[in-house]
Amino acid sequence: MHPIKHFLTITRHRHAVIRHCAKAGILRQGLFHDLSKYSPREFIYGARYWQGTRSPNAREREVLGYSEAWLHHKGRNRHHFEYWTDYNLETKTVLPVKMPLRFVAEMFCDRVAASKIYKGNSYRDSDPLEYFQNGRSHRTIHPETSDFLEKLLVMLAEKGERETFAFLKDYMKHNDSY
């Protein structure tokens, strides 16, 4: 068990997301980001499987075959595309739903912050895009949501943080959707 190390990791991550959300013009949303990680249901598993270089949920999946913490987390945090699935009346299957813009913006902030926390000093602005592209084959996300998130990640990789967050803040100010 690594409760102190896990607490420090999730707190550093959360503070990075808050800073990014402020740059994107959604500070209030950032202030409430990932509070469920401090709940006993998520925190205990996170501390048990903490490694410092990747999400403890990945290790928990390797050990148990699933992640109890992730199942709890994704059902309470709307900045995760996995939250946005619903039963489709036509196909009678569960399908991805297009995410509201403000949650895609928070998801972008979250992905950048997570890459910075887990990569440390070796972080590059292309890391969040590489992570996103590596998961493409097993991701169930609405195509429009995926395209907009990828647009932001490509912009980050090519133009850097300052220009990408300025674009996102302006986009959020003038658009209700993507």
C-alpha atoms as a PDB file:
ATOM      1  CA  MET A   1       0.000   0.000   0.000  1.00  0.00           C
ATOM      2  CA  HIS A   2       1.222   3.469  -0.923  1.00  0.00           C
ATOM      3  CA  PRO A   3      -1.454   5.858   0.392  1.00  0.00           C
ATOM      4  CA  ILE A   4       0.789   8.912   0.731  1.00  0.00           C
ATOM      5  CA  LYS A   5       2.403   8.473  -2.692  1.00  0.00           C
ATOM      6  CA  HIS A   6      -1.017   7.886  -4.276  1.00  0.00           C
ATOM      7  CA  PHE A   7      -2.465  10.949  -2.524  1.00  0.00           C
ATOM      8  CA  LEU A   8       0.408  13.102  -3.763  1.00  0.00           C
ATOM      9  CA  THR A   9       0.090  11.773  -7.324  1.00  0.00           C
ATOM     10  CA  ILE A  10      -3.660  12.342  -7.624  1.00  0.00           C
ATOM     11  CA  THR A  11      -3.371  15.750  -5.971  1.00  0.00           C
ATOM     12  CA  ARG A  12      -0.565  16.869  -8.322  1.00  0.00           C
ATOM     13  CA  HIS A  13      -2.641  15.610 -11.244  1.00  0.00           C
ATOM     14  CA  ARG A  14      -5.780  17.385 -10.035  1.00  0.00           C
ATOM     15  CA  HIS A  15      -3.916  20.665  -9.543  1.00  0.00           C
ATOM     16  CA  ALA A  16      -2.473  20.392 -13.066  1.00  0.00           C
ATOM     17  CA  VAL A  17      -5.985  19.854 -14.438  1.00  0.00           C
ATOM     18  CA  ILE A  18      -7.224  22.892 -12.510  1.00  0.00           C
ATOM     19  CA  ARG A  19      -4.463  25.009 -14.082  1.00  0.00           C
ATOM     20  CA  HIS A  20      -5.297  23.672 -17.551  1.00  0.00           C
ATOM     21  CA  CYS A  21      -9.023  24.225 -17.060  1.00  0.00           C
ATOM     22  CA  ALA A  22      -8.293  27.830 -16.056  1.00  0.00           C
ATOM     23  CA  LYS A  23      -6.370  28.277 -19.338  1.00  0.00           C
ATOM     24  CA  ALA A  24      -9.327  26.770 -21.224  1.00  0.00           C
ATOM     25  CA  GLY A  25     -11.813  29.096 -19.519  1.00  0.00           C
ATOM     26  CA  ILE A  26     -13.519  26.404 -17.429  1.00  0.00           C
ATOM     27  CA  LEU A  27     -11.930  26.990 -14.022  1.00  0.00           C
ATOM     28  CA  ARG A  28     -15.072  26.119 -12.034  1.00  0.00           C
ATOM     29  CA  GLN A  29     -15.193  22.734 -13.743  1.00  0.00           C
ATOM     30  CA  GLY A  30     -11.525  22.195 -12.951  1.00  0.00           C
ATOM     31  CA  LEU A  31     -12.128  22.876  -9.270  1.00  0.00           C
ATOM     32  CA  PHE A  32     -14.488  19.892  -9.111  1.00  0.00           C
ATOM     33  CA  HIS A  33     -12.314  17.620 -11.267  1.00  0.00           C
ATOM     34  CA  ASP A  34     -11.772  14.033 -10.046  1.00  0.00           C
ATOM     35  CA  LEU A  35     -12.981  14.537  -6.479  1.00  0.00           C
ATOM     36  CA  SER A  36     -14.210  10.928  -6.530  1.00  0.00           C
ATOM     37  CA  LYS A  37     -10.563   9.771  -6.492  1.00  0.00           C
ATOM     38  CA  TYR A  38     -10.474  10.760  -2.823  1.00  0.00           C
ATOM     39  CA  SER A  39     -13.477   8.564  -1.971  1.00  0.00           C
ATOM     40  CA  PRO A  40     -12.671   5.303  -0.150  1.00  0.00           C
ATOM     41  CA  ARG A  41     -13.986   3.274  -3.094  1.00  0.00           C
ATOM     42  CA  GLU A  42     -11.343   4.694  -5.456  1.00  0.00           C
ATOM     43  CA  PHE A  43      -8.607   5.774  -3.075  1.00  0.00           C
ATOM     44  CA  ILE A  44      -8.027   2.377  -1.428  1.00  0.00           C
ATOM     45  CA  TYR A  45      -7.558   0.593  -4.769  1.00  0.00           C
ATOM     46  CA  GLY A  46      -5.417   3.453  -6.066  1.00  0.00           C
ATOM     47  CA  ALA A  47      -3.126   3.230  -3.039  1.00  0.00           C
ATOM     48  CA  ARG A  48      -2.947  -0.558  -3.268  1.00  0.00           C
ATOM     49  CA  TYR A  49      -1.959  -0.586  -6.954  1.00  0.00           C
ATOM     50  CA  TRP A  50       0.028   2.675  -7.104  1.00  0.00           C
ATOM     51  CA  GLN A  51       3.195   2.520  -9.211  1.00  0.00           C
ATOM     52  CA  GLY A  52       3.868   6.172  -9.978  1.00  0.00           C
ATOM     53  CA  THR A  53       4.516   5.760 -13.701  1.00  0.00           C
ATOM     54  CA  ARG A  54       1.006   4.842 -14.867  1.00  0.00           C
ATOM     55  CA  SER A  55      -2.548   4.664 -13.608  1.00  0.00           C
ATOM     56  CA  PRO A  56      -3.039   2.226 -10.742  1.00  0.00           C
ATOM     57  CA  ASN A  57      -6.199   1.110 -12.584  1.00  0.00           C
ATOM     58  CA  ALA A  58      -3.977  -0.576 -15.203  1.00  0.00           C
ATOM     59  CA  ARG A  59      -2.225  -2.663 -12.544  1.00  0.00           C
ATOM     60  CA  GLU A  60      -5.529  -3.439 -10.821  1.00  0.00           C
ATOM     61  CA  ARG A  61      -6.840  -4.791 -14.156  1.00  0.00           C
ATOM     62  CA  GLU A  62      -3.765  -7.003 -14.527  1.00  0.00           C
ATOM     63  CA  VAL A  63      -4.295  -8.454 -11.052  1.00  0.00           C
ATOM     64  CA  LEU A  64      -8.101  -8.722 -10.894  1.00  0.00           C
ATOM     65  CA  GLY A  65      -9.108  -8.740 -14.552  1.00  0.00           C
ATOM     66  CA  TYR A  66     -11.024  -5.471 -14.088  1.00  0.00           C
ATOM     67  CA  SER A  67     -10.654  -2.254 -12.137  1.00  0.00           C
ATOM     68  CA  GLU A  68     -13.068  -1.630  -9.307  1.00  0.00           C
ATOM     69  CA  ALA A  69     -11.755   1.935  -8.962  1.00  0.00           C
ATOM     70  CA  TRP A  70     -12.235   2.676 -12.671  1.00  0.00           C
ATOM     71  CA  LEU A  71     -15.782   1.312 -12.732  1.00  0.00           C
ATOM     72  CA  HIS A  72     -16.610   3.684  -9.881  1.00  0.00           C
ATOM     73  CA  HIS A  73     -14.707   6.606 -11.398  1.00  0.00           C
ATOM     74  CA  LYS A  74     -16.056   6.531 -14.960  1.00  0.00           C
ATOM     75  CA  GLY A  75     -19.644   6.443 -13.732  1.00  0.00           C
ATOM     76  CA  ARG A  76     -19.233   9.691 -11.773  1.00  0.00           C
ATOM     77  CA  ASN A  77     -16.981  11.839 -13.952  1.00  0.00           C
ATOM     78  CA  ARG A  78     -18.489  13.203 -17.145  1.00  0.00           C
ATOM     79  CA  HIS A  79     -15.131  14.195 -18.640  1.00  0.00           C
ATOM     80  CA  HIS A  80     -14.531  10.528 -19.512  1.00  0.00           C
ATOM     81  CA  PHE A  81     -15.931   9.367 -22.845  1.00  0.00           C
ATOM     82  CA  GLU A  82     -16.724   6.007 -21.226  1.00  0.00           C
ATOM     83  CA  TYR A  83     -19.404   7.816 -19.185  1.00  0.00           C
ATOM     84  CA  TRP A  84     -21.151   8.807 -22.421  1.00  0.00           C
ATOM     85  CA  THR A  85     -22.742   5.565 -23.568  1.00  0.00           C
ATOM     86  CA  ASP A  86     -26.426   4.762 -23.605  1.00  0.00           C
ATOM     87  CA  TYR A  87     -28.902   2.211 -24.814  1.00  0.00           C
ATOM     88  CA  ASN A  88     -29.837   2.883 -28.445  1.00  0.00           C
ATOM     89  CA  LEU A  89     -33.508   2.159 -29.168  1.00  0.00           C
ATOM     90  CA  GLU A  90     -32.911   1.421 -32.859  1.00  0.00           C
ATOM     91  CA  THR A  91     -29.978  -0.976 -32.538  1.00  0.00           C
ATOM     92  CA  LYS A  92     -30.926  -2.256 -29.062  1.00  0.00           C
ATOM     93  CA  THR A  93     -27.252  -2.009 -28.061  1.00  0.00           C
ATOM     94  CA  VAL A  94     -25.181   0.326 -25.930  1.00  0.00           C
ATOM     95  CA  LEU A  95     -23.486   2.924 -28.130  1.00  0.00           C
ATOM     96  CA  PRO A  96     -21.338   6.007 -27.561  1.00  0.00           C
ATOM     97  CA  VAL A  97     -23.076   9.386 -27.281  1.00  0.00           C
ATOM     98  CA  LYS A  98     -21.623  12.712 -28.418  1.00  0.00           C
ATOM     99  CA  MET A  99     -20.149  14.502 -25.392  1.00  0.00           C
ATOM    100  CA  PRO A 100     -21.028  18.098 -24.542  1.00  0.00           C
ATOM    101  CA  LEU A 101     -18.241  20.527 -25.449  1.00  0.00           C
ATOM    102  CA  ARG A 102     -17.366  21.506 -21.880  1.00  0.00           C
ATOM    103  CA  PHE A 103     -16.647  17.898 -20.938  1.00  0.00           C
ATOM    104  CA  VAL A 104     -14.506  17.333 -24.036  1.00  0.00           C
ATOM    105  CA  ALA A 105     -12.523  20.428 -23.014  1.00  0.00           C
ATOM    106  CA  GLU A 106     -12.066  18.991 -19.513  1.00  0.00           C
ATOM    107  CA  MET A 107     -11.092  15.614 -20.993  1.00  0.00           C
ATOM    108  CA  PHE A 108      -8.409  17.374 -23.041  1.00  0.00           C
ATOM    109  CA  CYS A 109      -7.094  19.139 -19.914  1.00  0.00           C
ATOM    110  CA  ASP A 110      -7.141  15.817 -18.053  1.00  0.00           C
ATOM    111  CA  ARG A 111      -5.179  13.978 -20.760  1.00  0.00           C
ATOM    112  CA  VAL A 112      -2.507  16.655 -20.938  1.00  0.00           C
ATOM    113  CA  ALA A 113      -2.148  16.713 -17.149  1.00  0.00           C
ATOM    114  CA  ALA A 114      -1.995  12.909 -16.884  1.00  0.00           C
ATOM    115  CA  SER A 115       0.746  12.760 -19.512  1.00  0.00           C
ATOM    116  CA  LYS A 116       2.732  15.389 -17.624  1.00  0.00           C
ATOM    117  CA  ILE A 117       2.359  13.597 -14.287  1.00  0.00           C
ATOM    118  CA  TYR A 118       3.254  10.121 -15.565  1.00  0.00           C
ATOM    119  CA  LYS A 119       5.982  11.227 -18.017  1.00  0.00           C
ATOM    120  CA  GLY A 120       7.605  13.714 -15.655  1.00  0.00           C
ATOM    121  CA  ASN A 121      10.623  15.519 -17.100  1.00  0.00           C
ATOM    122  CA  SER A 122      10.443  13.481 -20.306  1.00  0.00           C
ATOM    123  CA  TYR A 123       6.997  14.928 -21.190  1.00  0.00           C
ATOM    124  CA  ARG A 124       6.570  16.255 -24.733  1.00  0.00           C
ATOM    125  CA  ASP A 125       3.486  17.991 -26.164  1.00  0.00           C
ATOM    126  CA  SER A 126       3.071  15.033 -28.540  1.00  0.00           C
ATOM    127  CA  ASP A 127       2.670  12.504 -25.680  1.00  0.00           C
ATOM    128  CA  PRO A 128      -1.107  12.953 -25.155  1.00  0.00           C
ATOM    129  CA  LEU A 129      -1.672  12.484 -28.910  1.00  0.00           C
ATOM    130  CA  GLU A 130       0.485   9.341 -28.988  1.00  0.00           C
ATOM    131  CA  TYR A 131      -1.445   7.901 -26.028  1.00  0.00           C
ATOM    132  CA  PHE A 132      -4.742   8.686 -27.758  1.00  0.00           C
ATOM    133  CA  GLN A 133      -3.629   7.136 -31.053  1.00  0.00           C
ATOM    134  CA  ASN A 134      -2.302   3.991 -29.335  1.00  0.00           C
ATOM    135  CA  GLY A 135      -5.747   3.322 -27.841  1.00  0.00           C
ATOM    136  CA  ARG A 136      -7.709   3.869 -31.052  1.00  0.00           C
ATOM    137  CA  SER A 137      -8.336   0.180 -31.803  1.00  0.00           C
ATOM    138  CA  HIS A 138     -10.060  -0.564 -28.502  1.00  0.00           C
ATOM    139  CA  ARG A 139     -11.837   2.721 -27.810  1.00  0.00           C
ATOM    140  CA  THR A 140     -15.616   3.145 -27.983  1.00  0.00           C
ATOM    141  CA  ILE A 141     -16.153   6.887 -28.391  1.00  0.00           C
ATOM    142  CA  HIS A 142     -18.575   8.918 -30.488  1.00  0.00           C
ATOM    143  CA  PRO A 143     -16.853   9.748 -33.810  1.00  0.00           C
ATOM    144  CA  GLU A 144     -17.447  13.518 -33.537  1.00  0.00           C
ATOM    145  CA  THR A 145     -16.103  13.543 -29.981  1.00  0.00           C
ATOM    146  CA  SER A 146     -13.066  11.550 -31.064  1.00  0.00           C
ATOM    147  CA  ASP A 147     -12.413  13.865 -34.011  1.00  0.00           C
ATOM    148  CA  PHE A 148     -12.625  17.049 -31.940  1.00  0.00           C
ATOM    149  CA  LEU A 149     -10.409  15.677 -29.172  1.00  0.00           C
ATOM    150  CA  GLU A 150      -7.885  14.500 -31.747  1.00  0.00           C
ATOM    151  CA  LYS A 151      -7.936  17.960 -33.379  1.00  0.00           C
ATOM    152  CA  LEU A 152      -6.962  19.497 -30.023  1.00  0.00           C
ATOM    153  CA  LEU A 153      -4.265  16.881 -29.408  1.00  0.00           C
ATOM    154  CA  VAL A 154      -2.773  17.374 -32.879  1.00  0.00           C
ATOM    155  CA  MET A 155      -2.794  21.141 -32.346  1.00  0.00           C
ATOM    156  CA  LEU A 156      -1.007  20.654 -29.015  1.00  0.00           C
ATOM    157  CA  ALA A 157       1.637  18.440 -30.641  1.00  0.00           C
ATOM    158  CA  GLU A 158       2.186  20.815 -33.553  1.00  0.00           C
ATOM    159  CA  LYS A 159       1.644  24.281 -32.086  1.00  0.00           C
ATOM    160  CA  GLY A 160       2.203  23.872 -28.362  1.00  0.00           C
ATOM    161  CA  GLU A 161       0.292  24.504 -25.197  1.00  0.00           C
ATOM    162  CA  ARG A 162      -0.087  28.287 -25.339  1.00  0.00           C
ATOM    163  CA  GLU A 163      -1.716  28.341 -28.775  1.00  0.00           C
ATOM    164  CA  THR A 164      -3.886  25.276 -28.140  1.00  0.00           C
ATOM    165  CA  PHE A 165      -5.321  26.527 -24.850  1.00  0.00           C
ATOM    166  CA  ALA A 166      -5.908  29.980 -26.375  1.00  0.00           C
ATOM    167  CA  PHE A 167      -7.790  28.321 -29.242  1.00  0.00           C
ATOM    168  CA  LEU A 168      -9.834  26.166 -26.866  1.00  0.00           C
ATOM    169  CA  LYS A 169     -10.753  29.094 -24.614  1.00  0.00           C
ATOM    170  CA  ASP A 170     -11.873  31.166 -27.594  1.00  0.00           C
ATOM    171  CA  TYR A 171     -13.749  28.205 -29.091  1.00  0.00           C
ATOM    172  CA  MET A 172     -15.577  27.601 -25.809  1.00  0.00           C
ATOM    173  CA  LYS A 173     -16.533  31.277 -25.645  1.00  0.00           C
ATOM    174  CA  HIS A 174     -18.074  31.335 -29.133  1.00  0.00           C
ATOM    175  CA  ASN A 175     -19.495  27.822 -29.603  1.00  0.00           C
ATOM    176  CA  ASP A 176     -21.959  25.557 -27.848  1.00  0.00           C
ATOM    177  CA  SER A 177     -20.828  22.415 -29.654  1.00  0.00           C
ATOM    178  CA  TYR A 178     -18.239  21.093 -32.081  1.00  0.00           C
END
